[in-house]
Amino acid sequence: MMKIAVDADGGEYAPHEIVKGAIKAAQEYKADIILVGKKTVLHVLAGRYLNKLGISIIPASQTIGFHEHPMEALRSKPKSSIAIGINLVKEGRAQAFVSAGNTGAVLCAALFNLGKIAGVERPALASIVKLVPLSPALLIDAGANADCRPSHLAEFAQLGNIYAQRILGIESPRIGLLSNGEEETKGNRLTQESHQLLKKTSLNFIGNIEGYDMVNGTADVIVTDGFTGNIILKTVEGLGDSLIKLRQVGHAVSSAYHLRGRALLADVGLGSLAQGMDYREYGGACLLGVKGNIIVSHGRSQAKAIKNAIGLAKRTAEQNICQLIAEAGYG
């Protein structure tokens, strides 16, 4: 049985919502869940499921907060849920780790404790975004590398290509380089030089794409630096939250005035768009390029997001993504 370690101390709604999500995941995905956190609290929250669903607890006496410096926190808190969870993957006791905790700490722990896959220069966060109904795309880098060189973006494209093939089921993903114009001469120096490198690869590189192309389903893999990618991701998340609130208001109004609010929302496509832009639907971003399956979830993740993040972690491990990246040998 596959084992997924979950940071029960990480996130604004930990540990209650994390445990709820883990229980739902254990029921739905038939995977063993290892909850990493405060033993006494977790026994209270999950005790009656330990034998029934294959949920176990590994104690972690320390917690890394969102505002702590990642490296300093990891050095001063070796018994944190993040450090212990990453080490479970390193030791082979878990096939993946999911955390909604301090993103920087998760990235640093994964990089230094697991190490990079041979040939990978910069691991990157790959996040599934669904701006077009029925056509999810992969955004990479979604926030791991703020400062990049052209070779890094070319590498992100390779990593994203493998992940899109296996997780999104796209045989030949269309790779688009995010820029401010379609012409290869457009963009800053990073974009222009990255474009030239991508032209020389065997990838299905379709050239530069602009912001509006993201909502037209032009590309399956959207390549950019982590600074830009993270801004895009958070913008999408913010818009998704607004659409969800608008949908809730619409339902309330329709109920109060006996209107067919749901039908109206379906007609304008608001329901599916809101669902697609809801970060809870995919649960988190996968850190590609390290020797282990690591899923970074939103800090505000509640049960639904955690359940889906665990599902994503399971699919990532089942598809042997790390091995496929190592076998690609593009470094």
C-alpha atoms as a PDB file:
ATOM      1  CA  MET A   1       0.000   0.000   0.000  1.00  0.00           C
ATOM      2  CA  MET A   2       1.308   3.435  -0.919  1.00  0.00           C
ATOM      3  CA  LYS A   3       2.124   5.680   2.039  1.00  0.00           C
ATOM      4  CA  ILE A   4       1.633   9.448   1.875  1.00  0.00           C
ATOM      5  CA  ALA A   5       3.061  11.631   4.661  1.00  0.00           C
ATOM      6  CA  VAL A   6       1.009  14.707   5.507  1.00  0.00           C
ATOM      7  CA  ASP A   7       2.149  17.754   7.463  1.00  0.00           C
ATOM      8  CA  ALA A   8      -0.605  17.963  10.079  1.00  0.00           C
ATOM      9  CA  ASP A   9       0.921  21.110  11.594  1.00  0.00           C
ATOM     10  CA  GLY A  10       1.192  23.085   8.361  1.00  0.00           C
ATOM     11  CA  GLY A  11      -1.393  25.630   7.260  1.00  0.00           C
ATOM     12  CA  GLU A  12      -3.775  28.175   8.706  1.00  0.00           C
ATOM     13  CA  TYR A  13      -6.385  25.513   9.453  1.00  0.00           C
ATOM     14  CA  ALA A  14      -4.059  22.889  10.916  1.00  0.00           C
ATOM     15  CA  PRO A  15      -4.503  20.429  12.429  1.00  0.00           C
ATOM     16  CA  HIS A  16      -8.295  20.011  12.260  1.00  0.00           C
ATOM     17  CA  GLU A  17      -8.843  20.588   8.527  1.00  0.00           C
ATOM     18  CA  ILE A  18      -5.662  18.727   7.621  1.00  0.00           C
ATOM     19  CA  VAL A  19      -6.832  15.660   9.506  1.00  0.00           C
ATOM     20  CA  LYS A  20     -10.318  15.867   7.973  1.00  0.00           C
ATOM     21  CA  GLY A  21      -8.776  15.994   4.496  1.00  0.00           C
ATOM     22  CA  ALA A  22      -6.458  13.105   5.279  1.00  0.00           C
ATOM     23  CA  ILE A  23      -9.346  10.958   6.487  1.00  0.00           C
ATOM     24  CA  LYS A  24     -11.322  11.686   3.317  1.00  0.00           C
ATOM     25  CA  ALA A  25      -8.267  10.871   1.195  1.00  0.00           C
ATOM     26  CA  ALA A  26      -7.712   7.580   3.000  1.00  0.00           C
ATOM     27  CA  GLN A  27     -11.325   6.645   2.328  1.00  0.00           C
ATOM     28  CA  GLU A  28     -11.322   7.705  -1.326  1.00  0.00           C
ATOM     29  CA  TYR A  29      -7.824   6.891  -2.574  1.00  0.00           C
ATOM     30  CA  LYS A  30      -7.109   3.731  -0.569  1.00  0.00           C
ATOM     31  CA  ALA A  31      -3.686   4.983   0.478  1.00  0.00           C
ATOM     32  CA  ASP A  32      -2.066   4.784   3.896  1.00  0.00           C
ATOM     33  CA  ILE A  33      -1.721   8.239   5.436  1.00  0.00           C
ATOM     34  CA  ILE A  34       1.030   9.205   7.881  1.00  0.00           C
ATOM     35  CA  LEU A  35       0.051  12.268   9.900  1.00  0.00           C
ATOM     36  CA  VAL A  36       3.096  14.191  11.119  1.00  0.00           C
ATOM     37  CA  GLY A  37       2.487  16.524  14.034  1.00  0.00           C
ATOM     38  CA  LYS A  38       1.565  16.789  17.709  1.00  0.00           C
ATOM     39  CA  LYS A  39       0.907  13.207  18.761  1.00  0.00           C
ATOM     40  CA  THR A  40      -1.587  13.894  21.548  1.00  0.00           C
ATOM     41  CA  VAL A  41      -3.719  16.235  19.435  1.00  0.00           C
ATOM     42  CA  LEU A  42      -3.696  13.926  16.412  1.00  0.00           C
ATOM     43  CA  HIS A  43      -4.778  10.955  18.516  1.00  0.00           C
ATOM     44  CA  VAL A  44      -7.802  12.943  19.632  1.00  0.00           C
ATOM     45  CA  LEU A  45      -8.680  14.000  16.084  1.00  0.00           C
ATOM     46  CA  ALA A  46      -7.927  10.768  14.219  1.00  0.00           C
ATOM     47  CA  GLY A  47      -7.752   8.062  16.892  1.00  0.00           C
ATOM     48  CA  ARG A  48     -10.822   6.096  15.824  1.00  0.00           C
ATOM     49  CA  TYR A  49      -9.579   5.913  12.211  1.00  0.00           C
ATOM     50  CA  LEU A  50      -6.073   4.619  12.939  1.00  0.00           C
ATOM     51  CA  ASN A  51      -6.894   0.932  12.588  1.00  0.00           C
ATOM     52  CA  LYS A  52      -9.823   1.227  10.168  1.00  0.00           C
ATOM     53  CA  LEU A  53      -8.245   3.360   7.420  1.00  0.00           C
ATOM     54  CA  GLY A  54      -4.543   2.736   7.722  1.00  0.00           C
ATOM     55  CA  ILE A  55      -3.849   6.163   9.183  1.00  0.00           C
ATOM     56  CA  SER A  56      -0.800   6.387  11.421  1.00  0.00           C
ATOM     57  CA  ILE A  57       0.876   9.132  13.423  1.00  0.00           C
ATOM     58  CA  ILE A  58       4.518  10.140  13.639  1.00  0.00           C
ATOM     59  CA  PRO A  59       5.177  12.763  16.310  1.00  0.00           C
ATOM     60  CA  ALA A  60       6.762  16.120  15.529  1.00  0.00           C
ATOM     61  CA  SER A  61       7.294  18.346  18.537  1.00  0.00           C
ATOM     62  CA  GLN A  62       8.169  21.511  16.609  1.00  0.00           C
ATOM     63  CA  THR A  63       6.278  23.668  14.115  1.00  0.00           C
ATOM     64  CA  ILE A  64       7.687  26.121  11.557  1.00  0.00           C
ATOM     65  CA  GLY A  65       5.520  29.228  11.250  1.00  0.00           C
ATOM     66  CA  PHE A  66       4.721  31.057   8.026  1.00  0.00           C
ATOM     67  CA  HIS A  67       6.792  34.099   8.929  1.00  0.00           C
ATOM     68  CA  GLU A  68       9.951  32.257   9.970  1.00  0.00           C
ATOM     69  CA  HIS A  69      13.070  32.339   7.801  1.00  0.00           C
ATOM     70  CA  PRO A  70      13.140  28.922   6.055  1.00  0.00           C
ATOM     71  CA  MET A  71      16.784  27.959   6.561  1.00  0.00           C
ATOM     72  CA  GLU A  72      17.053  29.357  10.078  1.00  0.00           C
ATOM     73  CA  ALA A  73      13.855  27.582  11.072  1.00  0.00           C
ATOM     74  CA  LEU A  74      15.020  24.243   9.663  1.00  0.00           C
ATOM     75  CA  ARG A  75      18.327  24.521  11.505  1.00  0.00           C
ATOM     76  CA  SER A  76      16.721  25.466  14.806  1.00  0.00           C
ATOM     77  CA  LYS A  77      13.784  23.056  14.519  1.00  0.00           C
ATOM     78  CA  PRO A  78      15.061  19.652  13.355  1.00  0.00           C
ATOM     79  CA  LYS A  79      11.986  18.001  14.900  1.00  0.00           C
ATOM     80  CA  SER A  80       9.502  20.097  12.938  1.00  0.00           C
ATOM     81  CA  SER A  81       6.711  18.431  10.964  1.00  0.00           C
ATOM     82  CA  ILE A  82       8.276  19.636   7.698  1.00  0.00           C
ATOM     83  CA  ALA A  83      11.738  18.255   8.446  1.00  0.00           C
ATOM     84  CA  ILE A  84      10.389  14.920   9.673  1.00  0.00           C
ATOM     85  CA  GLY A  85       7.951  14.601   6.772  1.00  0.00           C
ATOM     86  CA  ILE A  86      10.667  15.201   4.172  1.00  0.00           C
ATOM     87  CA  ASN A  87      12.927  12.689   5.913  1.00  0.00           C
ATOM     88  CA  LEU A  88      10.184  10.051   5.727  1.00  0.00           C
ATOM     89  CA  VAL A  89      10.375  10.364   1.944  1.00  0.00           C
ATOM     90  CA  LYS A  90      14.179  10.283   2.024  1.00  0.00           C
ATOM     91  CA  GLU A  91      14.167   7.096   4.098  1.00  0.00           C
ATOM     92  CA  GLY A  92      11.596   5.430   1.838  1.00  0.00           C
ATOM     93  CA  ARG A  93       9.012   5.214   4.618  1.00  0.00           C
ATOM     94  CA  ALA A  94       6.654   7.405   2.577  1.00  0.00           C
ATOM     95  CA  GLN A  95       6.299   7.718  -1.198  1.00  0.00           C
ATOM     96  CA  ALA A  96       5.263  11.369  -1.052  1.00  0.00           C
ATOM     97  CA  PHE A  97       4.874  14.326   1.309  1.00  0.00           C
ATOM     98  CA  VAL A  98       2.111  16.944   1.357  1.00  0.00           C
ATOM     99  CA  SER A  99       2.411  20.230   3.248  1.00  0.00           C
ATOM    100  CA  ALA A 100       0.397  23.440   3.481  1.00  0.00           C
ATOM    101  CA  GLY A 101       3.033  24.927   5.759  1.00  0.00           C
ATOM    102  CA  ASN A 102       5.880  27.389   5.178  1.00  0.00           C
ATOM    103  CA  THR A 103       6.581  26.993   1.442  1.00  0.00           C
ATOM    104  CA  GLY A 104      10.157  28.215   1.684  1.00  0.00           C
ATOM    105  CA  ALA A 105      10.904  25.707   4.430  1.00  0.00           C
ATOM    106  CA  VAL A 106       9.400  22.858   2.407  1.00  0.00           C
ATOM    107  CA  LEU A 107      11.455  23.825  -0.656  1.00  0.00           C
ATOM    108  CA  CYS A 108      14.673  24.161   1.343  1.00  0.00           C
ATOM    109  CA  ALA A 109      14.138  20.893   3.220  1.00  0.00           C
ATOM    110  CA  ALA A 110      13.409  19.049  -0.014  1.00  0.00           C
ATOM    111  CA  LEU A 111      16.409  20.532  -1.776  1.00  0.00           C
ATOM    112  CA  PHE A 112      18.928  19.913   0.983  1.00  0.00           C
ATOM    113  CA  ASN A 113      17.580  16.680   2.482  1.00  0.00           C
ATOM    114  CA  LEU A 114      16.468  14.917  -0.691  1.00  0.00           C
ATOM    115  CA  GLY A 115      18.820  16.561  -3.169  1.00  0.00           C
ATOM    116  CA  LYS A 116      18.357  17.326  -6.843  1.00  0.00           C
ATOM    117  CA  ILE A 117      17.903  14.669  -9.494  1.00  0.00           C
ATOM    118  CA  ALA A 118      21.102  14.323 -11.520  1.00  0.00           C
ATOM    119  CA  GLY A 119      21.056  16.768 -14.433  1.00  0.00           C
ATOM    120  CA  VAL A 120      18.522  19.131 -12.874  1.00  0.00           C
ATOM    121  CA  GLU A 121      19.915  22.582 -12.164  1.00  0.00           C
ATOM    122  CA  ARG A 122      16.836  24.224 -10.621  1.00  0.00           C
ATOM    123  CA  PRO A 123      13.846  22.297  -9.242  1.00  0.00           C
ATOM    124  CA  ALA A 124      10.583  24.099 -10.027  1.00  0.00           C
ATOM    125  CA  LEU A 125       6.997  24.176  -8.798  1.00  0.00           C
ATOM    126  CA  ALA A 126       4.463  22.904 -11.316  1.00  0.00           C
ATOM    127  CA  SER A 127       0.889  24.006 -10.659  1.00  0.00           C
ATOM    128  CA  ILE A 128      -2.191  22.849 -12.536  1.00  0.00           C
ATOM    129  CA  VAL A 129      -4.415  25.746 -13.597  1.00  0.00           C
ATOM    130  CA  LYS A 130      -7.774  25.401 -15.294  1.00  0.00           C
ATOM    131  CA  LEU A 131      -8.776  28.633 -16.966  1.00  0.00           C
ATOM    132  CA  VAL A 132     -10.516  26.799 -19.813  1.00  0.00           C
ATOM    133  CA  PRO A 133     -13.257  24.255 -18.999  1.00  0.00           C
ATOM    134  CA  LEU A 134     -12.056  20.685 -19.576  1.00  0.00           C
ATOM    135  CA  SER A 135      -8.561  21.912 -20.573  1.00  0.00           C
ATOM    136  CA  PRO A 136      -6.210  22.130 -17.577  1.00  0.00           C
ATOM    137  CA  ALA A 137      -2.729  23.515 -18.168  1.00  0.00           C
ATOM    138  CA  LEU A 138       0.493  23.372 -16.217  1.00  0.00           C
ATOM    139  CA  LEU A 139       2.162  26.558 -14.973  1.00  0.00           C
ATOM    140  CA  ILE A 140       5.892  26.227 -14.294  1.00  0.00           C
ATOM    141  CA  ASP A 141       7.665  27.763 -12.389  1.00  0.00           C
ATOM    142  CA  ALA A 142       4.902  28.707  -9.957  1.00  0.00           C
ATOM    143  CA  GLY A 143       7.180  30.206  -7.326  1.00  0.00           C
ATOM    144  CA  ALA A 144      10.338  28.264  -6.508  1.00  0.00           C
ATOM    145  CA  ASN A 145      12.817  30.443  -8.447  1.00  0.00           C
ATOM    146  CA  ALA A 146      12.392  34.204  -8.512  1.00  0.00           C
ATOM    147  CA  ASP A 147      15.605  34.853 -10.456  1.00  0.00           C
ATOM    148  CA  CYS A 148      16.249  32.675 -13.485  1.00  0.00           C
ATOM    149  CA  ARG A 149      18.560  32.251 -16.448  1.00  0.00           C
ATOM    150  CA  PRO A 150      17.435  31.140 -19.924  1.00  0.00           C
ATOM    151  CA  SER A 151      18.770  27.627 -19.287  1.00  0.00           C
ATOM    152  CA  HIS A 152      16.483  27.373 -16.263  1.00  0.00           C
ATOM    153  CA  LEU A 153      13.372  28.182 -18.288  1.00  0.00           C
ATOM    154  CA  ALA A 154      14.367  25.632 -20.914  1.00  0.00           C
ATOM    155  CA  GLU A 155      14.733  23.113 -18.115  1.00  0.00           C
ATOM    156  CA  PHE A 156      11.343  24.033 -16.657  1.00  0.00           C
ATOM    157  CA  ALA A 157       9.824  23.279 -20.053  1.00  0.00           C
ATOM    158  CA  GLN A 158      11.379  19.812 -20.011  1.00  0.00           C
ATOM    159  CA  LEU A 159      10.148  19.123 -16.484  1.00  0.00           C
ATOM    160  CA  GLY A 160       6.678  20.420 -17.310  1.00  0.00           C
ATOM    161  CA  ASN A 161       6.534  18.343 -20.470  1.00  0.00           C
ATOM    162  CA  ILE A 162       7.101  15.108 -18.520  1.00  0.00           C
ATOM    163  CA  TYR A 163       4.583  16.036 -15.829  1.00  0.00           C
ATOM    164  CA  ALA A 164       1.898  17.099 -18.316  1.00  0.00           C
ATOM    165  CA  GLN A 165       2.313  13.867 -20.247  1.00  0.00           C
ATOM    166  CA  ARG A 166       1.842  11.702 -17.173  1.00  0.00           C
ATOM    167  CA  ILE A 167      -0.509  13.691 -14.949  1.00  0.00           C
ATOM    168  CA  LEU A 168      -2.625  15.523 -17.546  1.00  0.00           C
ATOM    169  CA  GLY A 169      -2.462  12.660 -20.053  1.00  0.00           C
ATOM    170  CA  ILE A 170      -1.322  14.813 -22.986  1.00  0.00           C
ATOM    171  CA  GLU A 171       0.875  12.872 -25.401  1.00  0.00           C
ATOM    172  CA  SER A 172       2.651  15.883 -26.903  1.00  0.00           C
ATOM    173  CA  PRO A 173       2.044  18.926 -24.673  1.00  0.00           C
ATOM    174  CA  ARG A 174       2.129  22.324 -26.363  1.00  0.00           C
ATOM    175  CA  ILE A 175       4.836  24.346 -24.640  1.00  0.00           C
ATOM    176  CA  GLY A 176       4.282  28.109 -24.527  1.00  0.00           C
ATOM    177  CA  LEU A 177       6.743  30.708 -23.241  1.00  0.00           C
ATOM    178  CA  LEU A 178       4.955  33.526 -21.433  1.00  0.00           C
ATOM    179  CA  SER A 179       5.857  36.916 -22.916  1.00  0.00           C
ATOM    180  CA  ASN A 180       4.358  40.302 -23.808  1.00  0.00           C
ATOM    181  CA  GLY A 181       4.113  39.471 -27.503  1.00  0.00           C
ATOM    182  CA  GLU A 182       3.990  36.500 -29.863  1.00  0.00           C
ATOM    183  CA  GLU A 183       7.053  37.511 -31.862  1.00  0.00           C
ATOM    184  CA  GLU A 184      10.285  35.875 -30.739  1.00  0.00           C
ATOM    185  CA  THR A 185      11.914  39.301 -30.516  1.00  0.00           C
ATOM    186  CA  LYS A 186       9.395  40.392 -27.873  1.00  0.00           C
ATOM    187  CA  GLY A 187       9.962  40.205 -24.139  1.00  0.00           C
ATOM    188  CA  ASN A 188      12.908  40.952 -21.904  1.00  0.00           C
ATOM    189  CA  ARG A 189      16.356  39.468 -22.350  1.00  0.00           C
ATOM    190  CA  LEU A 190      15.421  36.380 -20.323  1.00  0.00           C
ATOM    191  CA  THR A 191      12.423  35.646 -22.524  1.00  0.00           C
ATOM    192  CA  GLN A 192      14.218  36.293 -25.811  1.00  0.00           C
ATOM    193  CA  GLU A 193      17.177  34.057 -24.954  1.00  0.00           C
ATOM    194  CA  SER A 194      14.910  31.369 -23.513  1.00  0.00           C
ATOM    195  CA  HIS A 195      12.924  31.375 -26.747  1.00  0.00           C
ATOM    196  CA  GLN A 196      16.071  30.635 -28.752  1.00  0.00           C
ATOM    197  CA  LEU A 197      16.969  27.726 -26.466  1.00  0.00           C
ATOM    198  CA  LEU A 198      13.480  26.245 -26.615  1.00  0.00           C
ATOM    199  CA  LYS A 199      13.477  26.382 -30.423  1.00  0.00           C
ATOM    200  CA  LYS A 200      16.408  23.974 -30.404  1.00  0.00           C
ATOM    201  CA  THR A 201      14.717  21.336 -28.245  1.00  0.00           C
ATOM    202  CA  SER A 202      12.626  18.403 -29.422  1.00  0.00           C
ATOM    203  CA  LEU A 203       9.664  19.680 -27.420  1.00  0.00           C
ATOM    204  CA  ASN A 204       6.388  20.738 -29.030  1.00  0.00           C
ATOM    205  CA  PHE A 205       7.319  24.381 -28.555  1.00  0.00           C
ATOM    206  CA  ILE A 206       4.657  26.686 -30.002  1.00  0.00           C
ATOM    207  CA  GLY A 207       6.521  29.921 -29.279  1.00  0.00           C
ATOM    208  CA  ASN A 208       5.618  32.893 -27.142  1.00  0.00           C
ATOM    209  CA  ILE A 209       2.168  33.207 -25.625  1.00  0.00           C
ATOM    210  CA  GLU A 210       0.582  36.267 -24.057  1.00  0.00           C
ATOM    211  CA  GLY A 211      -1.584  36.617 -20.988  1.00  0.00           C
ATOM    212  CA  TYR A 212      -4.853  36.288 -22.893  1.00  0.00           C
ATOM    213  CA  ASP A 213      -3.657  33.013 -24.414  1.00  0.00           C
ATOM    214  CA  MET A 214      -3.876  31.456 -20.968  1.00  0.00           C
ATOM    215  CA  VAL A 215      -7.671  31.737 -21.041  1.00  0.00           C
ATOM    216  CA  ASN A 216      -7.883  30.495 -24.646  1.00  0.00           C
ATOM    217  CA  GLY A 217      -6.257  27.126 -24.032  1.00  0.00           C
ATOM    218  CA  THR A 218      -3.401  27.917 -26.417  1.00  0.00           C
ATOM    219  CA  ALA A 219      -0.728  26.028 -24.457  1.00  0.00           C
ATOM    220  CA  ASP A 220      -0.674  22.935 -22.247  1.00  0.00           C
ATOM    221  CA  VAL A 221       2.493  23.967 -20.411  1.00  0.00           C
ATOM    222  CA  ILE A 222       3.051  27.640 -19.590  1.00  0.00           C
ATOM    223  CA  VAL A 223       6.713  28.392 -18.935  1.00  0.00           C
ATOM    224  CA  THR A 224       7.916  31.422 -16.992  1.00  0.00           C
ATOM    225  CA  ASP A 225      10.191  32.442 -14.118  1.00  0.00           C
ATOM    226  CA  GLY A 226       9.018  31.792 -10.562  1.00  0.00           C
ATOM    227  CA  PHE A 227       8.492  35.468  -9.758  1.00  0.00           C
ATOM    228  CA  THR A 228       6.071  35.968 -12.636  1.00  0.00           C
ATOM    229  CA  GLY A 229       4.511  32.551 -12.226  1.00  0.00           C
ATOM    230  CA  ASN A 230       3.713  33.075  -8.565  1.00  0.00           C
ATOM    231  CA  ILE A 231       2.030  36.404  -9.280  1.00  0.00           C
ATOM    232  CA  ILE A 232      -0.072  34.765 -11.990  1.00  0.00           C
ATOM    233  CA  LEU A 233      -1.006  31.886  -9.715  1.00  0.00           C
ATOM    234  CA  LYS A 234      -2.075  34.154  -6.875  1.00  0.00           C
ATOM    235  CA  THR A 235      -4.009  36.375  -9.274  1.00  0.00           C
ATOM    236  CA  VAL A 236      -5.884  33.331 -10.561  1.00  0.00           C
ATOM    237  CA  GLU A 237      -6.537  32.172  -6.997  1.00  0.00           C
ATOM    238  CA  GLY A 238      -7.816  35.601  -6.011  1.00  0.00           C
ATOM    239  CA  LEU A 239     -10.114  35.791  -9.022  1.00  0.00           C
ATOM    240  CA  GLY A 240     -11.314  32.287  -8.284  1.00  0.00           C
ATOM    241  CA  ASP A 241     -12.188  33.278  -4.720  1.00  0.00           C
ATOM    242  CA  SER A 242     -14.127  36.288  -6.041  1.00  0.00           C
ATOM    243  CA  LEU A 243     -16.070  34.155  -8.516  1.00  0.00           C
ATOM    244  CA  ILE A 244     -16.920  31.640  -5.816  1.00  0.00           C
ATOM    245  CA  LYS A 245     -18.245  34.433  -3.589  1.00  0.00           C
ATOM    246  CA  LEU A 246     -20.225  35.821  -6.528  1.00  0.00           C
ATOM    247  CA  ARG A 247     -21.665  32.397  -7.192  1.00  0.00           C
ATOM    248  CA  GLN A 248     -22.669  32.071  -3.536  1.00  0.00           C
ATOM    249  CA  VAL A 249     -24.372  35.483  -3.678  1.00  0.00           C
ATOM    250  CA  GLY A 250     -26.185  34.401  -6.839  1.00  0.00           C
ATOM    251  CA  HIS A 251     -27.461  31.269  -5.124  1.00  0.00           C
ATOM    252  CA  ALA A 252     -28.617  33.297  -2.122  1.00  0.00           C
ATOM    253  CA  VAL A 253     -30.454  35.798  -4.346  1.00  0.00           C
ATOM    254  CA  SER A 254     -32.042  33.047  -6.414  1.00  0.00           C
ATOM    255  CA  SER A 255     -33.292  31.332  -3.276  1.00  0.00           C
ATOM    256  CA  ALA A 256     -34.685  34.539  -1.807  1.00  0.00           C
ATOM    257  CA  TYR A 257     -36.513  35.524  -4.985  1.00  0.00           C
ATOM    258  CA  HIS A 258     -37.264  32.014  -6.267  1.00  0.00           C
ATOM    259  CA  LEU A 259     -35.124  32.518  -9.363  1.00  0.00           C
ATOM    260  CA  ARG A 260     -33.340  29.849 -11.348  1.00  0.00           C
ATOM    261  CA  GLY A 261     -29.926  31.059 -10.210  1.00  0.00           C
ATOM    262  CA  ARG A 262     -28.116  27.820 -10.918  1.00  0.00           C
ATOM    263  CA  ALA A 263     -29.373  27.751 -14.498  1.00  0.00           C
ATOM    264  CA  LEU A 264     -28.297  31.347 -14.988  1.00  0.00           C
ATOM    265  CA  LEU A 265     -24.831  30.610 -13.654  1.00  0.00           C
ATOM    266  CA  ALA A 266     -24.569  27.638 -15.989  1.00  0.00           C
ATOM    267  CA  ASP A 267     -25.646  29.776 -18.957  1.00  0.00           C
ATOM    268  CA  VAL A 268     -22.898  32.337 -18.423  1.00  0.00           C
ATOM    269  CA  GLY A 269     -20.330  29.666 -17.551  1.00  0.00           C
ATOM    270  CA  LEU A 270     -19.606  31.177 -14.155  1.00  0.00           C
ATOM    271  CA  GLY A 271     -20.005  27.923 -12.272  1.00  0.00           C
ATOM    272  CA  SER A 272     -17.440  25.942 -14.267  1.00  0.00           C
ATOM    273  CA  LEU A 273     -15.040  28.877 -14.420  1.00  0.00           C
ATOM    274  CA  ALA A 274     -15.180  29.375 -10.666  1.00  0.00           C
ATOM    275  CA  GLN A 275     -14.616  25.668 -10.099  1.00  0.00           C
ATOM    276  CA  GLY A 276     -11.669  25.597 -12.482  1.00  0.00           C
ATOM    277  CA  MET A 277      -9.967  28.545 -10.806  1.00  0.00           C
ATOM    278  CA  ASP A 278     -10.522  27.151  -7.320  1.00  0.00           C
ATOM    279  CA  TYR A 279      -7.125  26.063  -5.929  1.00  0.00           C
ATOM    280  CA  ARG A 280      -8.895  23.462  -3.817  1.00  0.00           C
ATOM    281  CA  GLU A 281      -9.703  21.412  -6.927  1.00  0.00           C
ATOM    282  CA  TYR A 282      -6.082  20.349  -7.498  1.00  0.00           C
ATOM    283  CA  GLY A 283      -4.779  20.746  -3.974  1.00  0.00           C
ATOM    284  CA  GLY A 284      -1.254  21.955  -4.598  1.00  0.00           C
ATOM    285  CA  ALA A 285       1.832  22.275  -6.761  1.00  0.00           C
ATOM    286  CA  CYS A 286       4.407  19.556  -7.311  1.00  0.00           C
ATOM    287  CA  LEU A 287       8.090  20.306  -6.759  1.00  0.00           C
ATOM    288  CA  LEU A 288       9.762  18.787  -9.814  1.00  0.00           C
ATOM    289  CA  GLY A 289      13.461  18.003  -9.920  1.00  0.00           C
ATOM    290  CA  VAL A 290      14.136  16.727  -6.391  1.00  0.00           C
ATOM    291  CA  LYS A 291      14.561  13.085  -5.386  1.00  0.00           C
ATOM    292  CA  GLY A 292      11.093  12.660  -3.975  1.00  0.00           C
ATOM    293  CA  ASN A 293       7.443  13.472  -4.529  1.00  0.00           C
ATOM    294  CA  ILE A 294       6.645  16.733  -2.758  1.00  0.00           C
ATOM    295  CA  ILE A 295       3.305  18.557  -2.994  1.00  0.00           C
ATOM    296  CA  VAL A 296       3.107  22.139  -1.720  1.00  0.00           C
ATOM    297  CA  SER A 297      -0.426  23.173  -0.817  1.00  0.00           C
ATOM    298  CA  HIS A 298      -1.934  26.604  -0.278  1.00  0.00           C
ATOM    299  CA  GLY A 299      -1.536  27.931   3.256  1.00  0.00           C
ATOM    300  CA  ARG A 300      -5.308  28.385   3.490  1.00  0.00           C
ATOM    301  CA  SER A 301      -6.018  24.788   2.499  1.00  0.00           C
ATOM    302  CA  GLN A 302      -8.951  23.131   4.182  1.00  0.00           C
ATOM    303  CA  ALA A 303     -10.138  19.538   4.029  1.00  0.00           C
ATOM    304  CA  LYS A 304     -11.097  19.480   0.334  1.00  0.00           C
ATOM    305  CA  ALA A 305      -7.778  20.937  -0.811  1.00  0.00           C
ATOM    306  CA  ILE A 306      -5.782  18.568   1.399  1.00  0.00           C
ATOM    307  CA  LYS A 307      -7.727  15.565   0.146  1.00  0.00           C
ATOM    308  CA  ASN A 308      -7.045  16.560  -3.455  1.00  0.00           C
ATOM    309  CA  ALA A 309      -3.389  17.295  -2.705  1.00  0.00           C
ATOM    310  CA  ILE A 310      -3.010  13.782  -1.346  1.00  0.00           C
ATOM    311  CA  GLY A 311      -4.668  12.465  -4.498  1.00  0.00           C
ATOM    312  CA  LEU A 312      -2.210  14.437  -6.624  1.00  0.00           C
ATOM    313  CA  ALA A 313       0.682  13.111  -4.540  1.00  0.00           C
ATOM    314  CA  LYS A 314      -0.535   9.559  -5.082  1.00  0.00           C
ATOM    315  CA  ARG A 315      -0.814  10.002  -8.863  1.00  0.00           C
ATOM    316  CA  THR A 316       2.611  11.636  -8.995  1.00  0.00           C
ATOM    317  CA  ALA A 317       4.183   8.718  -7.137  1.00  0.00           C
ATOM    318  CA  GLU A 318       2.294   6.109  -9.163  1.00  0.00           C
ATOM    319  CA  GLN A 319       3.536   7.648 -12.415  1.00  0.00           C
ATOM    320  CA  ASN A 320       7.179   7.457 -11.239  1.00  0.00           C
ATOM    321  CA  ILE A 321       7.744  11.104 -12.135  1.00  0.00           C
ATOM    322  CA  CYS A 322      11.122  11.276 -10.370  1.00  0.00           C
ATOM    323  CA  GLN A 323      12.404   8.267 -12.272  1.00  0.00           C
ATOM    324  CA  LEU A 324      11.165   9.637 -15.596  1.00  0.00           C
ATOM    325  CA  ILE A 325      12.936  12.950 -14.968  1.00  0.00           C
ATOM    326  CA  ALA A 326      16.134  11.104 -14.072  1.00  0.00           C
ATOM    327  CA  GLU A 327      15.871   8.957 -17.216  1.00  0.00           C
ATOM    328  CA  ALA A 328      15.310  12.014 -19.424  1.00  0.00           C
ATOM    329  CA  GLY A 329      18.951  12.962 -18.937  1.00  0.00           C
ATOM    330  CA  TYR A 330      18.627  16.466 -20.334  1.00  0.00           C
ATOM    331  CA  GLY A 331      20.929  18.150 -17.839  1.00  0.00           C
END
